[in-house]
Amino acid sequence: MEHTSDHRVDEEQMHPDYRERETRFRDQAATLWDRESNARAQIRTDVSLSEEERMDQYIAVYGGLEKTLDELSGEIGREEGKAIQEATETLYGGAGKKFSEHLASVANVPDERLESLMATATRSGQGELARAVALTAYERGERGLFNSWAESNPERAAALERIKGTPGSAQFYTRTKLAMRPPKAALADLIPTPEDERRAAEAEAAANVTKYAAFFGPTVPRQVGRKRS
């Protein structure tokens, strides 16, 4: 079978090697969600920032997260692309003059004779002829004959399962880069809440008390700056 961009695979039928790589990718990409959440909180709680500074800082952080996500998804994409290329070569990689001759001759064989020709090629040990018959059968929609040929050899059977169990590019994108893109904050998410402002004021007051006490001694009133009657 061919591995097309719209090939879809139910999750329970995905190839173990693919699931392992996708799980690794998701674990790595999940850290980006933590980094986004931490950056959002850090920017929001910094009451000294202007609105423009908040937006600029968040844009810079999020741009870095997107770059990292692109790198992670590119890595798994290359790994999966290589695996599919190798599996495809195992199934369809006939080459050389003899194979080309067999392919040309099989093109003239009626559908109803393909199975008997495959049996003859198998019994006589003509591997390239059998491959030519299998590929011709596949192109004509005779998938049963093609699958039987593929499954008769462990290496080809493994290649067939790899292709069957690997999502096409559309489903792959949905399950990886799209699914694991960190959430994006709205401007309102970056504005300090009343609680943030209260905590910032308390922290500033405590810092002032410590600063002045260090200079004037521990008798400095806690409410620094208020005129005493």
Protein backbone atom coordinates (compact mmCIF):
# COMPACT_ATOMS: atom_id res chain seq x y z
CA MET A 1 0.00 0.00 0.00
CA GLU A 2 1.04 3.58 -0.57
CA HIS A 3 1.48 6.01 2.28
CA THR A 4 -0.58 9.06 1.32
CA SER A 5 -1.01 12.41 3.04
CA ASP A 6 -4.64 11.65 3.89
CA HIS A 7 -3.92 8.18 5.32
CA ARG A 8 -5.68 7.92 8.70
CA VAL A 9 -5.02 5.38 11.44
CA ASP A 10 -7.11 4.65 14.52
CA GLU A 11 -5.04 5.24 17.62
CA GLU A 12 -5.20 1.62 18.80
CA GLN A 13 -3.90 0.48 15.40
CA MET A 14 -0.91 2.81 15.23
CA HIS A 15 2.47 1.17 14.86
CA PRO A 16 4.41 0.83 18.15
CA ASP A 17 7.43 2.66 16.74
CA TYR A 18 5.25 5.59 15.70
CA ARG A 19 3.47 5.69 19.07
CA GLU A 20 6.82 5.71 20.87
CA ARG A 21 8.07 8.67 18.84
CA GLU A 22 4.82 10.58 19.20
CA THR A 23 4.82 10.02 22.98
CA ARG A 24 8.39 11.30 23.21
CA PHE A 25 7.43 14.36 21.16
CA ARG A 26 4.40 15.09 23.35
CA ASP A 27 6.46 14.78 26.54
CA GLN A 28 8.98 17.28 25.18
CA ALA A 29 6.32 19.65 23.84
CA ALA A 30 4.42 19.57 27.14
CA THR A 31 7.29 21.50 28.74
CA LEU A 32 6.45 24.39 26.41
CA TRP A 33 3.03 24.66 28.04
CA ASP A 34 4.73 25.00 31.44
CA ARG A 35 7.06 27.67 30.08
CA GLU A 36 4.15 29.62 28.60
CA SER A 37 2.23 29.45 31.87
CA ASN A 38 5.24 30.59 33.88
CA ALA A 39 5.96 33.47 31.49
CA ARG A 40 2.33 34.57 31.58
CA ALA A 41 2.33 34.64 35.39
CA GLN A 42 5.68 36.41 35.59
CA ILE A 43 4.61 39.17 33.20
CA ARG A 44 1.20 39.57 34.84
CA THR A 45 2.56 39.90 38.36
CA ASP A 46 5.21 42.48 37.43
CA VAL A 47 3.23 45.62 38.26
CA SER A 48 6.03 47.89 37.03
CA LEU A 49 5.49 47.01 33.36
CA SER A 50 3.53 49.15 30.96
CA GLU A 51 0.94 47.56 28.68
CA GLU A 52 3.31 47.77 25.72
CA GLU A 53 6.12 46.18 27.69
CA ARG A 54 3.85 43.31 28.69
CA MET A 55 2.89 42.64 25.09
CA ASP A 56 6.47 42.89 23.83
CA GLN A 57 7.79 40.51 26.47
CA TYR A 58 5.06 37.96 25.85
CA ILE A 59 5.48 38.11 22.06
CA ALA A 60 9.20 37.41 22.48
CA VAL A 61 8.57 34.48 24.81
CA TYR A 62 5.86 32.96 22.63
CA GLY A 63 7.97 33.32 19.51
CA GLY A 64 10.69 31.29 21.20
CA LEU A 65 8.18 28.60 22.16
CA GLU A 66 6.93 28.36 18.58
CA LYS A 67 10.49 28.03 17.30
CA THR A 68 11.17 25.18 19.72
CA LEU A 69 7.91 23.47 18.74
CA ASP A 70 8.90 23.74 15.07
CA GLU A 71 12.24 22.11 15.86
CA LEU A 72 10.63 19.27 17.83
CA SER A 73 7.99 18.57 15.19
CA GLY A 74 10.61 18.78 12.46
CA GLU A 75 12.71 16.18 14.23
CA ILE A 76 9.92 13.63 14.57
CA GLY A 77 8.79 14.42 11.03
CA ARG A 78 12.21 13.59 9.63
CA GLU A 79 12.42 10.39 11.67
CA GLU A 80 9.02 9.22 10.51
CA GLY A 81 9.72 10.25 6.93
CA LYS A 82 12.88 8.16 6.92
CA ALA A 83 11.03 5.15 8.37
CA ILE A 84 8.31 5.38 5.73
CA GLN A 85 10.85 5.83 2.95
CA GLU A 86 12.69 2.69 4.04
CA ALA A 87 9.45 0.70 4.32
CA THR A 88 8.34 1.91 0.89
CA GLU A 89 11.67 0.94 -0.63
CA THR A 90 11.35 -2.53 0.89
CA LEU A 91 7.94 -3.04 -0.72
CA TYR A 92 8.34 -1.24 -4.03
CA GLY A 93 12.07 -1.06 -4.54
CA GLY A 94 12.44 -3.34 -7.53
CA ALA A 95 15.31 -2.21 -9.75
CA GLY A 96 17.49 -3.32 -12.59
CA LYS A 97 16.94 -4.46 -16.15
CA LYS A 98 15.45 -7.86 -15.23
CA PHE A 99 12.78 -6.33 -12.99
CA SER A 100 11.88 -3.77 -15.65
CA GLU A 101 11.48 -6.55 -18.19
CA HIS A 102 9.23 -8.53 -15.83
CA LEU A 103 7.16 -5.44 -15.10
CA ALA A 104 6.65 -4.77 -18.79
CA SER A 105 5.67 -8.37 -19.54
CA VAL A 106 3.28 -8.62 -16.58
CA ALA A 107 1.50 -5.48 -17.79
CA ASN A 108 -0.02 -7.60 -20.57
CA VAL A 109 -1.21 -10.39 -18.27
CA PRO A 110 -5.00 -10.42 -17.60
CA ASP A 111 -6.15 -9.96 -14.01
CA GLU A 112 -7.41 -13.51 -13.74
CA ARG A 113 -3.94 -14.90 -14.51
CA LEU A 114 -1.97 -12.83 -12.02
CA GLU A 115 -2.50 -15.25 -9.14
CA SER A 116 -1.28 -18.27 -11.10
CA LEU A 117 1.70 -16.31 -12.39
CA MET A 118 2.55 -15.34 -8.82
CA ALA A 119 2.41 -18.99 -7.79
CA THR A 120 4.76 -19.92 -10.64
CA ALA A 121 7.20 -17.14 -9.75
CA THR A 122 7.18 -18.18 -6.09
CA ARG A 123 7.72 -21.89 -6.79
CA SER A 124 10.56 -21.18 -9.22
CA GLY A 125 12.28 -18.70 -6.92
CA GLN A 126 11.91 -15.78 -9.32
CA GLY A 127 11.76 -12.99 -6.74
CA GLU A 128 11.81 -10.08 -9.18
CA LEU A 129 9.00 -11.60 -11.22
CA ALA A 130 6.96 -12.10 -8.05
CA ARG A 131 7.57 -8.47 -7.12
CA ALA A 132 6.50 -7.32 -10.57
CA VAL A 133 3.30 -9.36 -10.29
CA ALA A 134 2.59 -8.01 -6.81
CA LEU A 135 3.06 -4.38 -7.83
CA THR A 136 0.93 -4.85 -10.93
CA ALA A 137 -1.79 -6.45 -8.82
CA TYR A 138 -1.68 -3.52 -6.43
CA GLU A 139 -2.00 -0.98 -9.22
CA ARG A 140 -5.01 -2.85 -10.56
CA GLY A 141 -6.70 -2.93 -7.19
CA GLU A 142 -5.94 -6.59 -6.45
CA ARG A 143 -4.82 -5.77 -2.91
CA GLY A 144 -5.29 -9.31 -1.60
CA LEU A 145 -2.63 -10.70 -3.92
CA PHE A 146 -0.28 -7.85 -3.11
CA ASN A 147 -0.78 -8.28 0.64
CA SER A 148 -0.22 -12.03 0.43
CA TRP A 149 3.07 -11.43 -1.37
CA ALA A 150 4.13 -8.79 1.17
CA GLU A 151 3.19 -10.90 4.18
CA SER A 152 5.04 -13.96 2.89
CA ASN A 153 8.37 -12.34 3.79
CA PRO A 154 9.12 -11.06 7.33
CA GLU A 155 10.92 -7.93 6.15
CA ARG A 156 8.16 -7.01 3.71
CA ALA A 157 5.48 -7.82 6.27
CA ALA A 158 7.13 -5.48 8.78
CA ALA A 159 7.34 -2.75 6.13
CA LEU A 160 3.67 -3.17 5.29
CA GLU A 161 2.67 -2.92 8.95
CA ARG A 162 4.84 0.18 9.37
CA ILE A 163 3.09 1.92 6.49
CA LYS A 164 -0.37 0.81 7.59
CA GLY A 165 0.21 1.95 11.17
CA THR A 166 1.69 5.39 10.48
CA PRO A 167 -0.62 8.41 10.09
CA GLY A 168 -0.40 10.44 6.91
CA SER A 169 0.88 14.00 7.01
CA ALA A 170 -2.55 15.56 7.67
CA GLN A 171 -3.30 13.40 10.72
CA PHE A 172 0.32 13.58 11.82
CA TYR A 173 0.20 17.40 11.86
CA THR A 174 -3.07 17.38 13.81
CA ARG A 175 -1.71 14.97 16.43
CA THR A 176 1.67 16.64 16.88
CA LYS A 177 2.30 20.28 16.08
CA LEU A 178 -1.33 21.42 16.15
CA ALA A 179 -2.29 19.46 19.27
CA MET A 180 0.77 20.49 21.27
CA ARG A 181 0.98 24.19 20.38
CA PRO A 182 0.98 26.10 23.69
CA PRO A 183 -2.09 28.21 24.47
CA LYS A 184 -1.75 31.90 23.61
CA ALA A 185 -2.58 34.52 26.24
CA ALA A 186 -4.94 37.40 25.63
CA LEU A 187 -3.86 40.85 26.73
CA ALA A 188 -6.26 40.64 29.68
CA ASP A 189 -4.30 37.59 30.89
CA LEU A 190 -1.19 39.76 31.22
CA ILE A 191 -2.73 42.60 33.25
CA PRO A 192 -2.16 42.46 37.05
CA THR A 193 -5.19 41.44 39.07
CA PRO A 194 -6.15 43.26 42.27
CA GLU A 195 -4.56 40.38 44.16
CA ASP A 196 -1.34 40.80 42.19
CA GLU A 197 -1.28 44.51 43.01
CA ARG A 198 -1.97 43.85 46.70
CA ARG A 199 0.86 41.34 46.93
CA ALA A 200 3.23 43.68 45.08
CA ALA A 201 2.37 46.53 47.48
CA GLU A 202 2.94 44.29 50.48
CA ALA A 203 6.25 43.09 49.10
CA GLU A 204 7.37 46.68 48.45
CA ALA A 205 6.35 47.74 51.98
CA ALA A 206 8.20 44.80 53.52
CA ALA A 207 11.29 45.61 51.49
CA ASN A 208 11.14 49.23 52.63
CA VAL A 209 10.85 48.20 56.27
CA THR A 210 13.89 45.97 55.90
CA LYS A 211 15.85 48.67 54.08
CA TYR A 212 15.10 51.44 56.57
CA ALA A 213 15.51 49.19 59.61
CA ALA A 214 18.96 48.26 58.40
CA PHE A 215 19.89 51.93 58.32
CA PHE A 216 17.93 53.47 61.21
CA GLY A 217 17.47 50.48 63.46
CA PRO A 218 14.46 48.32 64.32
CA THR A 219 12.36 51.25 65.67
CA VAL A 220 11.33 52.39 62.18
CA PRO A 221 7.50 52.36 61.91
CA ARG A 222 6.14 49.73 59.49
CA GLN A 223 4.02 52.23 57.57
CA VAL A 224 6.93 54.13 56.12
CA GLY A 225 6.10 57.47 54.58
CA ARG A 226 2.93 58.28 56.61
CA LYS A 227 3.12 61.52 58.59
CA ARG A 228 2.92 60.81 62.33
CA SER A 229 0.60 62.99 64.45
